[in-house]
Amino acid sequence: MSVRDSSSTRQVADLFSQGRLTAIPRKAARREQLLHHLAHTLFERDRVYSEYEVNEALRTVHEDCSALRRYLVVAGLLVRPKDGSSYRRLS
């Protein structure tokens, strides 16, 4: 782990209190760190998830699962077909 990686990990950890996300960061760079963390800790690569499953996973860390889901899709960390019927983490 590089110094930069450990710094990012510490910064993401600072966003949580007792396992819950205290707020969704407004700053894009900080939010992107959080989104990468959530994508890699809550979702398995190449597994297909229903919207319900994505929401339930995100609710384990924050009540605004729809905002987090939208951010994950916009960032390209979760992909979905046009009909929104399923979600998948690519990398």
N, C-alpha and C. Protein backbone atom coordinates (compact mmCIF):
# COMPACT_ATOMS: atom_id res chain seq x y z
N MET A 1 0.85 -1.17 0.00
CA MET A 1 0.00 0.00 0.00
C MET A 1 0.89 1.23 0.00
N SER A 2 0.62 2.16 -0.90
CA SER A 2 1.41 3.37 -0.98
C SER A 2 0.94 4.37 0.07
N VAL A 3 1.74 5.41 0.27
CA VAL A 3 1.37 6.47 1.21
C VAL A 3 0.08 7.12 0.75
N ARG A 4 -0.08 7.31 -0.56
CA ARG A 4 -1.29 7.93 -1.10
C ARG A 4 -2.51 7.05 -0.81
N ASP A 5 -2.38 5.73 -0.99
CA ASP A 5 -3.49 4.81 -0.71
C ASP A 5 -3.89 4.85 0.75
N SER A 6 -2.91 4.87 1.65
CA SER A 6 -3.24 4.88 3.07
C SER A 6 -3.87 6.22 3.45
N SER A 7 -3.45 7.29 2.80
CA SER A 7 -4.06 8.60 3.04
C SER A 7 -5.51 8.61 2.58
N SER A 8 -5.78 8.04 1.41
CA SER A 8 -7.15 7.96 0.89
C SER A 8 -8.02 7.12 1.81
N THR A 9 -7.48 5.99 2.27
CA THR A 9 -8.22 5.11 3.16
C THR A 9 -8.58 5.84 4.45
N ARG A 10 -7.63 6.59 4.99
CA ARG A 10 -7.87 7.34 6.22
C ARG A 10 -8.92 8.43 5.98
N GLN A 11 -8.85 9.10 4.83
CA GLN A 11 -9.82 10.15 4.51
C GLN A 11 -11.23 9.58 4.39
N VAL A 12 -11.35 8.41 3.77
CA VAL A 12 -12.66 7.77 3.65
C VAL A 12 -13.15 7.35 5.03
N ALA A 13 -12.29 6.79 5.83
CA ALA A 13 -12.68 6.36 7.19
C ALA A 13 -13.19 7.55 8.01
N ASP A 14 -12.64 8.73 7.77
CA ASP A 14 -13.07 9.92 8.50
C ASP A 14 -14.51 10.32 8.19
N LEU A 15 -15.06 9.79 7.10
CA LEU A 15 -16.44 10.11 6.71
C LEU A 15 -17.47 9.26 7.46
N PHE A 16 -16.99 8.28 8.21
CA PHE A 16 -17.88 7.34 8.90
C PHE A 16 -17.82 7.50 10.41
N SER A 17 -18.95 7.23 11.05
CA SER A 17 -19.02 7.18 12.50
C SER A 17 -19.85 5.96 12.85
N GLN A 18 -19.27 5.05 13.62
CA GLN A 18 -19.93 3.80 14.02
C GLN A 18 -20.48 3.03 12.82
N GLY A 19 -19.69 3.00 11.74
CA GLY A 19 -20.06 2.24 10.56
C GLY A 19 -21.04 2.92 9.63
N ARG A 20 -21.47 4.12 9.96
CA ARG A 20 -22.44 4.86 9.14
C ARG A 20 -21.77 6.09 8.55
N LEU A 21 -22.11 6.37 7.31
CA LEU A 21 -21.64 7.56 6.62
C LEU A 21 -22.30 8.77 7.25
N THR A 22 -21.51 9.74 7.71
CA THR A 22 -22.09 10.90 8.39
C THR A 22 -22.69 11.89 7.40
N ALA A 23 -22.12 11.99 6.20
CA ALA A 23 -22.64 12.87 5.15
C ALA A 23 -22.00 12.48 3.83
N ILE A 24 -22.72 12.74 2.74
CA ILE A 24 -22.16 12.52 1.42
C ILE A 24 -21.34 13.76 1.08
N PRO A 25 -20.05 13.58 0.80
CA PRO A 25 -19.19 14.75 0.55
C PRO A 25 -19.67 15.58 -0.64
N ARG A 26 -19.56 16.89 -0.51
CA ARG A 26 -19.92 17.81 -1.59
C ARG A 26 -18.77 17.95 -2.59
N LYS A 27 -17.55 17.89 -2.09
CA LYS A 27 -16.39 18.03 -2.98
C LYS A 27 -16.25 16.77 -3.83
N ALA A 28 -16.12 16.98 -5.13
CA ALA A 28 -16.12 15.87 -6.09
C ALA A 28 -15.01 14.86 -5.80
N ALA A 29 -13.81 15.31 -5.53
CA ALA A 29 -12.68 14.40 -5.31
C ALA A 29 -12.91 13.53 -4.08
N ARG A 30 -13.40 14.14 -3.04
CA ARG A 30 -13.67 13.39 -1.80
C ARG A 30 -14.83 12.41 -2.00
N ARG A 31 -15.86 12.85 -2.73
CA ARG A 31 -17.00 11.97 -3.02
C ARG A 31 -16.55 10.79 -3.87
N GLU A 32 -15.66 11.04 -4.82
CA GLU A 32 -15.17 9.94 -5.67
C GLU A 32 -14.41 8.91 -4.84
N GLN A 33 -13.61 9.35 -3.87
CA GLN A 33 -12.93 8.41 -2.97
C GLN A 33 -13.96 7.54 -2.25
N LEU A 34 -14.99 8.17 -1.75
CA LEU A 34 -16.05 7.45 -1.04
C LEU A 34 -16.73 6.44 -1.97
N LEU A 35 -17.07 6.87 -3.18
CA LEU A 35 -17.78 6.00 -4.12
C LEU A 35 -16.95 4.78 -4.48
N HIS A 36 -15.65 4.96 -4.69
CA HIS A 36 -14.77 3.82 -4.97
C HIS A 36 -14.78 2.86 -3.78
N HIS A 37 -14.70 3.41 -2.59
CA HIS A 37 -14.73 2.59 -1.38
C HIS A 37 -16.04 1.79 -1.31
N LEU A 38 -17.17 2.46 -1.51
CA LEU A 38 -18.47 1.79 -1.43
C LEU A 38 -18.60 0.72 -2.51
N ALA A 39 -18.20 1.05 -3.73
CA ALA A 39 -18.32 0.08 -4.83
C ALA A 39 -17.53 -1.18 -4.53
N HIS A 40 -16.33 -1.01 -3.98
CA HIS A 40 -15.46 -2.16 -3.76
C HIS A 40 -15.75 -2.92 -2.47
N THR A 41 -16.42 -2.29 -1.53
CA THR A 41 -16.73 -2.99 -0.29
C THR A 41 -18.15 -3.56 -0.25
N LEU A 42 -19.07 -2.95 -0.99
CA LEU A 42 -20.46 -3.40 -0.93
C LEU A 42 -20.89 -4.29 -2.09
N PHE A 43 -20.15 -4.24 -3.20
CA PHE A 43 -20.59 -4.95 -4.40
C PHE A 43 -19.49 -5.82 -4.97
N GLU A 44 -19.87 -7.03 -5.36
CA GLU A 44 -18.94 -7.96 -5.98
C GLU A 44 -18.81 -7.63 -7.47
N ARG A 45 -17.62 -7.78 -7.98
CA ARG A 45 -17.36 -7.52 -9.39
C ARG A 45 -18.15 -8.49 -10.27
N ASP A 46 -18.76 -7.96 -11.31
CA ASP A 46 -19.50 -8.71 -12.34
C ASP A 46 -20.75 -9.44 -11.84
N ARG A 47 -21.13 -9.27 -10.60
CA ARG A 47 -22.39 -9.86 -10.13
C ARG A 47 -23.54 -8.91 -10.50
N VAL A 48 -24.66 -9.47 -10.89
CA VAL A 48 -25.84 -8.67 -11.24
C VAL A 48 -26.68 -8.47 -9.98
N TYR A 49 -27.05 -7.21 -9.73
CA TYR A 49 -27.86 -6.84 -8.56
C TYR A 49 -29.17 -6.21 -9.03
N SER A 50 -30.23 -6.46 -8.31
CA SER A 50 -31.48 -5.75 -8.55
C SER A 50 -31.36 -4.37 -7.90
N GLU A 51 -32.25 -3.46 -8.26
CA GLU A 51 -32.24 -2.14 -7.63
C GLU A 51 -32.48 -2.28 -6.13
N TYR A 52 -33.35 -3.19 -5.75
CA TYR A 52 -33.63 -3.43 -4.33
C TYR A 52 -32.35 -3.84 -3.60
N GLU A 53 -31.58 -4.75 -4.19
CA GLU A 53 -30.34 -5.21 -3.55
C GLU A 53 -29.32 -4.08 -3.42
N VAL A 54 -29.23 -3.25 -4.44
CA VAL A 54 -28.31 -2.10 -4.39
C VAL A 54 -28.74 -1.16 -3.28
N ASN A 55 -30.04 -0.86 -3.23
CA ASN A 55 -30.56 0.03 -2.18
C ASN A 55 -30.30 -0.52 -0.79
N GLU A 56 -30.55 -1.80 -0.60
CA GLU A 56 -30.34 -2.41 0.72
C GLU A 56 -28.86 -2.35 1.13
N ALA A 57 -27.96 -2.60 0.19
CA ALA A 57 -26.53 -2.53 0.49
C ALA A 57 -26.14 -1.10 0.88
N LEU A 58 -26.64 -0.13 0.13
CA LEU A 58 -26.30 1.27 0.41
C LEU A 58 -26.93 1.76 1.71
N ARG A 59 -28.11 1.26 2.04
CA ARG A 59 -28.76 1.66 3.30
C ARG A 59 -27.98 1.20 4.53
N THR A 60 -27.09 0.23 4.35
CA THR A 60 -26.28 -0.19 5.50
C THR A 60 -25.32 0.91 5.93
N VAL A 61 -25.07 1.88 5.03
CA VAL A 61 -24.14 2.96 5.38
C VAL A 61 -24.79 4.34 5.42
N HIS A 62 -25.92 4.53 4.70
CA HIS A 62 -26.55 5.86 4.65
C HIS A 62 -28.00 5.73 4.20
N GLU A 63 -28.87 6.58 4.76
CA GLU A 63 -30.29 6.48 4.42
C GLU A 63 -30.63 6.96 3.00
N ASP A 64 -29.81 7.83 2.42
CA ASP A 64 -30.10 8.33 1.07
C ASP A 64 -29.48 7.41 0.01
N CYS A 65 -30.06 6.22 -0.10
CA CYS A 65 -29.51 5.22 -1.02
C CYS A 65 -29.69 5.65 -2.48
N SER A 66 -30.74 6.39 -2.79
CA SER A 66 -30.96 6.79 -4.19
C SER A 66 -29.88 7.76 -4.66
N ALA A 67 -29.45 8.68 -3.81
CA ALA A 67 -28.38 9.61 -4.19
C ALA A 67 -27.07 8.84 -4.38
N LEU A 68 -26.76 7.96 -3.45
CA LEU A 68 -25.52 7.18 -3.58
C LEU A 68 -25.55 6.29 -4.82
N ARG A 69 -26.70 5.67 -5.10
CA ARG A 69 -26.83 4.82 -6.29
C ARG A 69 -26.61 5.65 -7.55
N ARG A 70 -27.22 6.82 -7.61
CA ARG A 70 -27.07 7.71 -8.77
C ARG A 70 -25.61 8.13 -8.94
N TYR A 71 -24.96 8.51 -7.85
CA TYR A 71 -23.54 8.89 -7.92
C TYR A 71 -22.68 7.74 -8.43
N LEU A 72 -22.95 6.53 -7.96
CA LEU A 72 -22.19 5.36 -8.40
C LEU A 72 -22.36 5.10 -9.90
N VAL A 73 -23.56 5.29 -10.40
CA VAL A 73 -23.83 5.09 -11.83
C VAL A 73 -23.15 6.19 -12.65
N VAL A 74 -23.31 7.43 -12.24
CA VAL A 74 -22.70 8.56 -12.97
C VAL A 74 -21.18 8.41 -13.00
N ALA A 75 -20.59 7.92 -11.92
CA ALA A 75 -19.14 7.73 -11.85
C ALA A 75 -18.67 6.51 -12.65
N GLY A 76 -19.61 5.71 -13.14
CA GLY A 76 -19.25 4.53 -13.91
C GLY A 76 -18.80 3.36 -13.07
N LEU A 77 -19.06 3.42 -11.77
CA LEU A 77 -18.67 2.33 -10.88
C LEU A 77 -19.71 1.22 -10.84
N LEU A 78 -20.96 1.59 -11.05
CA LEU A 78 -22.03 0.63 -11.27
C LEU A 78 -22.63 0.94 -12.64
N VAL A 79 -22.93 -0.07 -13.40
CA VAL A 79 -23.57 0.13 -14.70
C VAL A 79 -24.94 -0.52 -14.68
N ARG A 80 -25.83 0.04 -15.50
CA ARG A 80 -27.18 -0.53 -15.59
C ARG A 80 -27.67 -0.38 -17.02
N PRO A 81 -28.58 -1.26 -17.44
CA PRO A 81 -29.17 -1.09 -18.76
C PRO A 81 -30.11 0.12 -18.75
N LYS A 82 -30.53 0.56 -19.92
CA LYS A 82 -31.40 1.74 -20.01
C LYS A 82 -32.68 1.60 -19.22
N ASP A 83 -33.19 0.38 -19.10
CA ASP A 83 -34.44 0.18 -18.36
C ASP A 83 -34.24 0.16 -16.85
N GLY A 84 -32.97 0.22 -16.38
CA GLY A 84 -32.68 0.26 -14.95
C GLY A 84 -33.03 -1.02 -14.21
N SER A 85 -33.15 -2.12 -14.94
CA SER A 85 -33.61 -3.37 -14.33
C SER A 85 -32.56 -4.08 -13.49
N SER A 86 -31.29 -3.75 -13.69
CA SER A 86 -30.23 -4.41 -12.92
C SER A 86 -29.00 -3.52 -12.86
N TYR A 87 -28.11 -3.87 -11.96
CA TYR A 87 -26.87 -3.11 -11.75
C TYR A 87 -25.71 -4.09 -11.66
N ARG A 88 -24.54 -3.62 -12.06
CA ARG A 88 -23.35 -4.45 -12.01
C ARG A 88 -22.13 -3.58 -11.75
N ARG A 89 -21.22 -4.05 -10.91
CA ARG A 89 -19.93 -3.39 -10.71
C ARG A 89 -18.96 -3.98 -11.72
N LEU A 90 -18.30 -3.12 -12.48
CA LEU A 90 -17.41 -3.61 -13.52
C LEU A 90 -16.02 -3.93 -13.04
N SER A 91 -15.44 -3.05 -12.23
CA SER A 91 -14.04 -3.28 -11.81
C SER A 91 -13.88 -3.18 -10.33
